[in-house]
C-alpha atoms as a PDB file:
ATOM      1  CA  MET A   1      -0.015   6.335  61.005  1.00  0.00           C
ATOM      2  CA  ASN A   2      -0.593   7.035  57.303  1.00  0.00           C
ATOM      3  CA  LYS A   3       0.282   4.399  54.781  1.00  0.00           C
ATOM      4  CA  LEU A   4       3.012   5.412  52.358  1.00  0.00           C
ATOM      5  CA  ASN A   5       1.940   5.836  48.783  1.00  0.00           C
ATOM      6  CA  ILE A   6       3.948   3.621  46.414  1.00  0.00           C
ATOM      7  CA  ASN A   7       5.610   6.760  44.998  1.00  0.00           C
ATOM      8  CA  GLN A   8       6.930   7.570  48.491  1.00  0.00           C
ATOM      9  CA  TRP A   9       8.737   4.250  48.882  1.00  0.00           C
ATOM     10  CA  ALA A  10      12.491   4.055  48.538  1.00  0.00           C
ATOM     11  CA  GLU A  11      13.117   3.778  44.799  1.00  0.00           C
ATOM     12  CA  GLU A  12      14.735   0.335  45.069  1.00  0.00           C
ATOM     13  CA  ASP A  13      11.561  -0.976  46.772  1.00  0.00           C
ATOM     14  CA  ARG A  14       9.153   0.132  44.063  1.00  0.00           C
ATOM     15  CA  PRO A  15       8.254  -2.833  41.821  1.00  0.00           C
ATOM     16  CA  ARG A  16       8.341  -0.910  38.523  1.00  0.00           C
ATOM     17  CA  GLU A  17      11.672   0.722  39.246  1.00  0.00           C
ATOM     18  CA  LYS A  18      13.083  -2.537  40.585  1.00  0.00           C
ATOM     19  CA  MET A  19      12.051  -4.294  37.382  1.00  0.00           C
ATOM     20  CA  MET A  20      13.670  -1.614  35.234  1.00  0.00           C
ATOM     21  CA  GLN A  21      16.913  -1.766  37.200  1.00  0.00           C
ATOM     22  CA  LYS A  22      17.220  -5.491  37.879  1.00  0.00           C
ATOM     23  CA  GLY A  23      14.897  -7.232  35.422  1.00  0.00           C
ATOM     24  CA  ALA A  24      11.627  -9.099  35.898  1.00  0.00           C
ATOM     25  CA  GLU A  25      13.375 -12.164  37.322  1.00  0.00           C
ATOM     26  CA  ALA A  26      14.428 -10.152  40.381  1.00  0.00           C
ATOM     27  CA  LEU A  27      10.825  -9.519  41.418  1.00  0.00           C
ATOM     28  CA  SER A  28       8.745 -11.788  43.607  1.00  0.00           C
ATOM     29  CA  ASP A  29       5.382 -13.079  42.420  1.00  0.00           C
ATOM     30  CA  ALA A  30       3.657 -10.523  44.643  1.00  0.00           C
ATOM     31  CA  GLU A  31       5.707  -7.667  43.187  1.00  0.00           C
ATOM     32  CA  LEU A  32       4.932  -8.720  39.614  1.00  0.00           C
ATOM     33  CA  LEU A  33       1.227  -8.946  40.385  1.00  0.00           C
ATOM     34  CA  ALA A  34       1.358  -5.598  42.198  1.00  0.00           C
ATOM     35  CA  ILE A  35       2.566  -3.948  39.004  1.00  0.00           C
ATOM     36  CA  LEU A  36      -0.563  -5.253  37.275  1.00  0.00           C
ATOM     37  CA  ILE A  37      -3.064  -3.941  39.825  1.00  0.00           C
ATOM     38  CA  GLY A  38      -1.249  -0.620  40.319  1.00  0.00           C
ATOM     39  CA  SER A  39      -2.546   0.197  43.790  1.00  0.00           C
ATOM     40  CA  GLY A  40      -3.603  -1.447  47.019  1.00  0.00           C
ATOM     41  CA  ASN A  41      -6.201  -0.120  49.428  1.00  0.00           C
ATOM     42  CA  THR A  42      -6.287   2.467  52.211  1.00  0.00           C
ATOM     43  CA  GLU A  43      -4.555   0.101  54.615  1.00  0.00           C
ATOM     44  CA  GLU A  44      -1.919  -1.709  52.563  1.00  0.00           C
ATOM     45  CA  SER A  45       0.219  -1.317  49.478  1.00  0.00           C
ATOM     46  CA  ALA A  46      -0.319  -3.215  46.235  1.00  0.00           C
ATOM     47  CA  VAL A  47       2.567  -5.525  47.143  1.00  0.00           C
ATOM     48  CA  SER A  48       1.213  -6.240  50.639  1.00  0.00           C
ATOM     49  CA  LEU A  49      -2.241  -6.879  49.215  1.00  0.00           C
ATOM     50  CA  MET A  50      -0.902  -9.324  46.646  1.00  0.00           C
ATOM     51  CA  GLN A  51       1.229 -11.049  49.292  1.00  0.00           C
ATOM     52  CA  ARG A  52      -1.925 -11.636  51.309  1.00  0.00           C
ATOM     53  CA  ILE A  53      -3.865 -12.873  48.291  1.00  0.00           C
ATOM     54  CA  LEU A  54      -1.059 -15.232  47.322  1.00  0.00           C
ATOM     55  CA  ALA A  55      -0.911 -16.577  50.866  1.00  0.00           C
ATOM     56  CA  SER A  56      -4.624 -17.357  50.616  1.00  0.00           C
ATOM     57  CA  SER A  57      -3.924 -19.472  47.532  1.00  0.00           C
ATOM     58  CA  GLY A  58      -1.045 -21.330  49.161  1.00  0.00           C
ATOM     59  CA  ASN A  59       1.501 -19.147  47.310  1.00  0.00           C
ATOM     60  CA  ASP A  60       0.657 -21.249  44.264  1.00  0.00           C
ATOM     61  CA  LEU A  61       0.078 -19.430  40.963  1.00  0.00           C
ATOM     62  CA  ASN A  62      -1.600 -22.528  39.540  1.00  0.00           C
ATOM     63  CA  GLN A  63      -4.130 -22.383  42.359  1.00  0.00           C
ATOM     64  CA  LEU A  64      -4.563 -18.640  41.899  1.00  0.00           C
ATOM     65  CA  GLY A  65      -5.289 -19.343  38.235  1.00  0.00           C
ATOM     66  CA  LYS A  66      -8.456 -21.153  39.312  1.00  0.00           C
ATOM     67  CA  TRP A  67      -9.841 -18.139  41.166  1.00  0.00           C
ATOM     68  CA  GLU A  68     -12.830 -16.228  39.886  1.00  0.00           C
ATOM     69  CA  ILE A  69     -13.955 -12.648  40.496  1.00  0.00           C
ATOM     70  CA  ARG A  70     -15.859 -13.624  43.624  1.00  0.00           C
ATOM     71  CA  ASP A  71     -12.676 -15.087  45.155  1.00  0.00           C
ATOM     72  CA  PHE A  72     -10.700 -11.874  44.654  1.00  0.00           C
ATOM     73  CA  SER A  73     -13.598  -9.696  45.841  1.00  0.00           C
ATOM     74  CA  ARG A  74     -13.114 -10.985  49.401  1.00  0.00           C
ATOM     75  CA  PHE A  75     -10.175  -8.587  49.664  1.00  0.00           C
ATOM     76  CA  LYS A  76     -10.637  -4.885  50.271  1.00  0.00           C
ATOM     77  CA  GLY A  77      -9.758  -2.808  47.248  1.00  0.00           C
ATOM     78  CA  PHE A  78     -10.145  -5.681  44.798  1.00  0.00           C
ATOM     79  CA  GLY A  79     -12.973  -4.983  42.368  1.00  0.00           C
ATOM     80  CA  PRO A  80     -13.801  -6.606  39.018  1.00  0.00           C
ATOM     81  CA  ALA A  81     -11.215  -4.561  37.080  1.00  0.00           C
ATOM     82  CA  LYS A  82      -8.249  -5.708  39.178  1.00  0.00           C
ATOM     83  CA  SER A  83      -9.619  -9.263  39.344  1.00  0.00           C
ATOM     84  CA  LEU A  84      -9.948  -9.484  35.570  1.00  0.00           C
ATOM     85  CA  THR A  85      -6.437  -8.056  35.118  1.00  0.00           C
ATOM     86  CA  ILE A  86      -4.918 -10.829  37.241  1.00  0.00           C
ATOM     87  CA  MET A  87      -7.110 -13.493  35.628  1.00  0.00           C
ATOM     88  CA  ALA A  88      -6.097 -12.301  32.145  1.00  0.00           C
ATOM     89  CA  ALA A  89      -2.391 -12.322  33.032  1.00  0.00           C
ATOM     90  CA  LEU A  90      -2.554 -15.878  34.376  1.00  0.00           C
ATOM     91  CA  GLU A  91      -4.465 -17.017  31.281  1.00  0.00           C
ATOM     92  CA  LEU A  92      -1.773 -15.485  29.067  1.00  0.00           C
ATOM     93  CA  GLY A  93       0.855 -17.388  31.037  1.00  0.00           C
ATOM     94  CA  LYS A  94      -1.030 -20.607  30.364  1.00  0.00           C
ATOM     95  CA  ARG A  95      -1.287 -19.838  26.641  1.00  0.00           C
ATOM     96  CA  ARG A  96       2.398 -18.988  26.429  1.00  0.00           C
ATOM     97  CA  ASN A  97       3.188 -22.355  27.976  1.00  0.00           C
ATOM     98  CA  LEU A  98       1.069 -24.027  25.302  1.00  0.00           C
ATOM     99  CA  GLN A  99       2.719 -22.126  22.449  1.00  0.00           C
ATOM    100  CA  GLU A 100       6.168 -23.121  23.632  1.00  0.00           C
ATOM    101  CA  ARG A 101       5.288 -26.724  22.778  1.00  0.00           C
ATOM    102  CA  PRO A 102       5.490 -27.214  18.995  1.00  0.00           C
ATOM    103  CA  GLU A 103       2.434 -28.851  17.470  1.00  0.00           C
ATOM    104  CA  ARG A 104       4.611 -31.265  15.485  1.00  0.00           C
ATOM    105  CA  ALA A 105       6.422 -32.486  18.558  1.00  0.00           C
ATOM    106  CA  THR A 106       7.064 -36.198  18.941  1.00  0.00           C
ATOM    107  CA  ILE A 107       5.262 -38.062  21.713  1.00  0.00           C
ATOM    108  CA  ARG A 108       7.686 -40.474  23.338  1.00  0.00           C
ATOM    109  CA  CYS A 109       5.982 -41.307  26.636  1.00  0.00           C
ATOM    110  CA  SER A 110       2.990 -40.598  28.856  1.00  0.00           C
ATOM    111  CA  LYS A 111       4.783 -37.623  30.448  1.00  0.00           C
ATOM    112  CA  ASP A 112       4.910 -35.923  27.040  1.00  0.00           C
ATOM    113  CA  ILE A 113       1.124 -36.250  26.797  1.00  0.00           C
ATOM    114  CA  TYR A 114       0.674 -34.954  30.335  1.00  0.00           C
ATOM    115  CA  ASP A 115       2.915 -31.955  29.686  1.00  0.00           C
ATOM    116  CA  LEU A 116       0.986 -31.124  26.517  1.00  0.00           C
ATOM    117  CA  PHE A 117      -2.493 -31.325  28.045  1.00  0.00           C
ATOM    118  CA  HIS A 118      -1.965 -30.243  31.651  1.00  0.00           C
ATOM    119  CA  PRO A 119      -2.169 -26.505  30.819  1.00  0.00           C
ATOM    120  CA  LEU A 120      -5.433 -27.152  28.958  1.00  0.00           C
ATOM    121  CA  LEU A 121      -7.148 -29.284  31.568  1.00  0.00           C
ATOM    122  CA  CYS A 122      -5.682 -28.582  35.007  1.00  0.00           C
ATOM    123  CA  ASP A 123      -7.994 -25.705  35.968  1.00  0.00           C
ATOM    124  CA  LEU A 124     -11.296 -27.075  34.654  1.00  0.00           C
ATOM    125  CA  SER A 125     -14.212 -27.735  36.961  1.00  0.00           C
ATOM    126  CA  GLN A 126     -15.797 -30.221  34.559  1.00  0.00           C
ATOM    127  CA  GLU A 127     -14.480 -33.142  32.540  1.00  0.00           C
ATOM    128  CA  GLU A 128     -13.265 -32.752  28.993  1.00  0.00           C
ATOM    129  CA  PHE A 129     -12.356 -35.641  26.726  1.00  0.00           C
ATOM    130  CA  TRP A 130      -9.728 -35.204  23.995  1.00  0.00           C
ATOM    131  CA  VAL A 131      -8.049 -37.349  21.378  1.00  0.00           C
ATOM    132  CA  LEU A 132      -4.441 -36.777  20.339  1.00  0.00           C
ATOM    133  CA  LEU A 133      -3.830 -37.646  16.677  1.00  0.00           C
ATOM    134  CA  MET A 134      -0.375 -38.767  15.552  1.00  0.00           C
ATOM    135  CA  ASN A 135       1.350 -40.113  12.463  1.00  0.00           C
ATOM    136  CA  GLN A 136       3.405 -43.292  12.191  1.00  0.00           C
ATOM    137  CA  ALA A 137       6.450 -41.525  13.670  1.00  0.00           C
ATOM    138  CA  ALA A 138       4.375 -40.428  16.706  1.00  0.00           C
ATOM    139  CA  ARG A 139       4.510 -36.804  15.601  1.00  0.00           C
ATOM    140  CA  ILE A 140       1.469 -34.748  16.553  1.00  0.00           C
ATOM    141  CA  ILE A 141      -1.031 -34.089  13.787  1.00  0.00           C
ATOM    142  CA  ASN A 142      -3.700 -32.450  15.907  1.00  0.00           C
ATOM    143  CA  LYS A 143      -5.501 -32.561  19.239  1.00  0.00           C
ATOM    144  CA  VAL A 144      -9.300 -32.569  19.208  1.00  0.00           C
ATOM    145  CA  ARG A 145     -11.815 -32.130  21.984  1.00  0.00           C
ATOM    146  CA  ILE A 146     -14.461 -34.828  21.692  1.00  0.00           C
ATOM    147  CA  SER A 147     -16.729 -33.773  24.537  1.00  0.00           C
ATOM    148  CA  ARG A 148     -17.133 -31.408  27.448  1.00  0.00           C
ATOM    149  CA  GLY A 149     -18.801 -32.344  30.713  1.00  0.00           C
ATOM    150  CA  GLY A 150     -17.773 -35.985  30.570  1.00  0.00           C
ATOM    151  CA  ILE A 151     -18.204 -38.631  27.926  1.00  0.00           C
ATOM    152  CA  ASP A 152     -20.838 -41.334  27.551  1.00  0.00           C
ATOM    153  CA  GLN A 153     -19.478 -44.816  27.022  1.00  0.00           C
ATOM    154  CA  THR A 154     -21.464 -45.340  23.823  1.00  0.00           C
ATOM    155  CA  THR A 155     -20.795 -46.534  20.301  1.00  0.00           C
ATOM    156  CA  ALA A 156     -21.369 -42.967  19.097  1.00  0.00           C
ATOM    157  CA  ASP A 157     -18.474 -41.730  21.219  1.00  0.00           C
ATOM    158  CA  VAL A 158     -16.172 -44.379  19.798  1.00  0.00           C
ATOM    159  CA  ARG A 159     -17.249 -43.405  16.283  1.00  0.00           C
ATOM    160  CA  SER A 160     -16.515 -39.733  17.001  1.00  0.00           C
ATOM    161  CA  ILE A 161     -13.006 -40.574  18.166  1.00  0.00           C
ATOM    162  CA  LEU A 162     -12.201 -42.864  15.245  1.00  0.00           C
ATOM    163  CA  ARG A 163     -13.789 -40.517  12.706  1.00  0.00           C
ATOM    164  CA  GLU A 164     -11.323 -37.787  13.716  1.00  0.00           C
ATOM    165  CA  ALA A 165      -8.439 -40.218  13.255  1.00  0.00           C
ATOM    166  CA  LEU A 166      -9.657 -41.205   9.782  1.00  0.00           C
ATOM    167  CA  LEU A 167     -10.361 -37.645   8.646  1.00  0.00           C
ATOM    168  CA  GLN A 168      -6.887 -36.461   9.646  1.00  0.00           C
ATOM    169  CA  ARG A 169      -5.120 -39.648   8.528  1.00  0.00           C
ATOM    170  CA  ALA A 170      -3.740 -40.485  11.941  1.00  0.00           C
ATOM    171  CA  THR A 171      -2.213 -43.930  12.387  1.00  0.00           C
ATOM    172  CA  GLN A 172      -1.787 -43.554  16.149  1.00  0.00           C
ATOM    173  CA  ILE A 173      -4.067 -41.982  18.739  1.00  0.00           C
ATOM    174  CA  ALA A 174      -4.064 -41.322  22.478  1.00  0.00           C
ATOM    175  CA  LEU A 175      -7.064 -40.600  24.661  1.00  0.00           C
ATOM    176  CA  ILE A 176      -6.917 -37.859  27.283  1.00  0.00           C
ATOM    177  CA  HIS A 177      -9.386 -36.602  29.847  1.00  0.00           C
ATOM    178  CA  ASN A 178      -9.308 -34.866  33.208  1.00  0.00           C
ATOM    179  CA  HIS A 179     -10.709 -35.750  36.614  1.00  0.00           C
ATOM    180  CA  PRO A 180     -11.638 -32.498  38.411  1.00  0.00           C
ATOM    181  CA  SER A 181     -11.992 -34.523  41.632  1.00  0.00           C
ATOM    182  CA  GLY A 182      -8.204 -34.823  41.785  1.00  0.00           C
ATOM    183  CA  ASN A 183      -8.288 -38.642  41.763  1.00  0.00           C
ATOM    184  CA  PRO A 184      -6.397 -39.799  38.648  1.00  0.00           C
ATOM    185  CA  HIS A 185      -7.437 -43.450  38.828  1.00  0.00           C
ATOM    186  CA  PRO A 186      -9.773 -44.689  36.077  1.00  0.00           C
ATOM    187  CA  SER A 187     -13.396 -45.539  36.682  1.00  0.00           C
ATOM    188  CA  THR A 188     -15.064 -48.673  35.386  1.00  0.00           C
ATOM    189  CA  ASP A 189     -16.496 -46.586  32.545  1.00  0.00           C
ATOM    190  CA  ASP A 190     -13.025 -45.251  31.698  1.00  0.00           C
ATOM    191  CA  LEU A 191     -11.727 -48.812  31.416  1.00  0.00           C
ATOM    192  CA  ARG A 192     -14.684 -49.907  29.300  1.00  0.00           C
ATOM    193  CA  LEU A 193     -14.379 -46.990  26.891  1.00  0.00           C
ATOM    194  CA  THR A 194     -10.662 -47.605  26.456  1.00  0.00           C
ATOM    195  CA  GLN A 195     -11.330 -51.232  25.533  1.00  0.00           C
ATOM    196  CA  LEU A 196     -14.012 -50.220  23.033  1.00  0.00           C
ATOM    197  CA  VAL A 197     -11.774 -47.642  21.358  1.00  0.00           C
ATOM    198  CA  GLN A 198      -8.824 -50.039  21.245  1.00  0.00           C
ATOM    199  CA  LYS A 199     -10.954 -52.738  19.640  1.00  0.00           C
ATOM    200  CA  GLY A 200     -12.429 -50.334  17.099  1.00  0.00           C
ATOM    201  CA  ALA A 201      -9.053 -48.813  16.261  1.00  0.00           C
ATOM    202  CA  GLN A 202      -7.500 -52.204  15.610  1.00  0.00           C
ATOM    203  CA  THR A 203     -10.043 -52.922  12.870  1.00  0.00           C
ATOM    204  CA  MET A 204      -8.856 -49.760  11.098  1.00  0.00           C
ATOM    205  CA  ASN A 205      -5.132 -50.369  11.596  1.00  0.00           C
ATOM    206  CA  ILE A 206      -4.949 -47.460  14.031  1.00  0.00           C
ATOM    207  CA  ARG A 207      -2.906 -47.928  17.180  1.00  0.00           C
ATOM    208  CA  LEU A 208      -4.178 -46.715  20.549  1.00  0.00           C
ATOM    209  CA  THR A 209      -0.938 -45.733  22.265  1.00  0.00           C
ATOM    210  CA  ASP A 210      -2.271 -44.558  25.631  1.00  0.00           C
ATOM    211  CA  HIS A 211      -5.130 -43.155  27.662  1.00  0.00           C
ATOM    212  CA  VAL A 212      -3.969 -40.491  30.104  1.00  0.00           C
ATOM    213  CA  ILE A 213      -6.154 -39.194  32.935  1.00  0.00           C
ATOM    214  CA  ILE A 214      -4.992 -35.786  34.140  1.00  0.00           C
ATOM    215  CA  THR A 215      -5.454 -33.997  37.441  1.00  0.00           C
ATOM    216  CA  ASP A 216      -3.669 -30.888  38.682  1.00  0.00           C
ATOM    217  CA  GLY A 217      -0.223 -32.307  39.387  1.00  0.00           C
ATOM    218  CA  LYS A 218      -0.818 -36.037  38.825  1.00  0.00           C
ATOM    219  CA  TYR A 219      -1.778 -38.342  36.005  1.00  0.00           C
ATOM    220  CA  TYR A 220      -2.625 -41.971  35.283  1.00  0.00           C
ATOM    221  CA  SER A 221      -1.300 -43.676  32.153  1.00  0.00           C
ATOM    222  CA  PHE A 222      -3.020 -46.827  30.906  1.00  0.00           C
ATOM    223  CA  ILE A 223       0.125 -47.926  29.063  1.00  0.00           C
ATOM    224  CA  ASP A 224       2.384 -47.339  32.082  1.00  0.00           C
ATOM    225  CA  GLU A 225      -0.003 -49.322  34.284  1.00  0.00           C
ATOM    226  CA  GLY A 226      -0.230 -52.209  31.804  1.00  0.00           C
ATOM    227  CA  CYS A 227      -3.902 -51.603  30.969  1.00  0.00           C
ATOM    228  CA  ILE A 228      -3.293 -51.377  27.208  1.00  0.00           C
END
């Protein structure tokens, strides 16, 4: 039995036509992704192919966002071009999420910090350490990456963090880093660094408001846990 070409489907079943008639919100994730790749393979339609790919990622777009070309290439008909198209679309979604959060937003709690940094850090395979710079009213001045691939608990690291605060005239700071392992709990080194930064900041009349450790879906707040 020959597989129907997408142009032979009933019009209401074609993703592009369905989107034009009913709007993007009426389409499933698989249908939206099928529009991007345009075609499936000799055995299945673009929609069926994307349904199978989504199932392999737990029907979780956040998980799919972590895939690389080699992950997509396991599926027949999925070469580098289609893989990069999906990867680019998911990256744009992440950037849109970031842009929807104004840079001068006020940080009121640890969840605000998590929401701001989760799109930046959730998909990384290595640690990144950031400092969030704020004014006296807890409005965001800037966010600065201090290191990639982890951070050494050294005086130099503390100086780097506090130097950014002084250069940008921040009176409050928060520390943020990710744990790619998925375990949000702080290590002994995380605790030690937090103490060093807090002590150094106090001498400069800068307040350390929190240290948030982010994983994909969970976080640990030093202030919420009474560690600051």
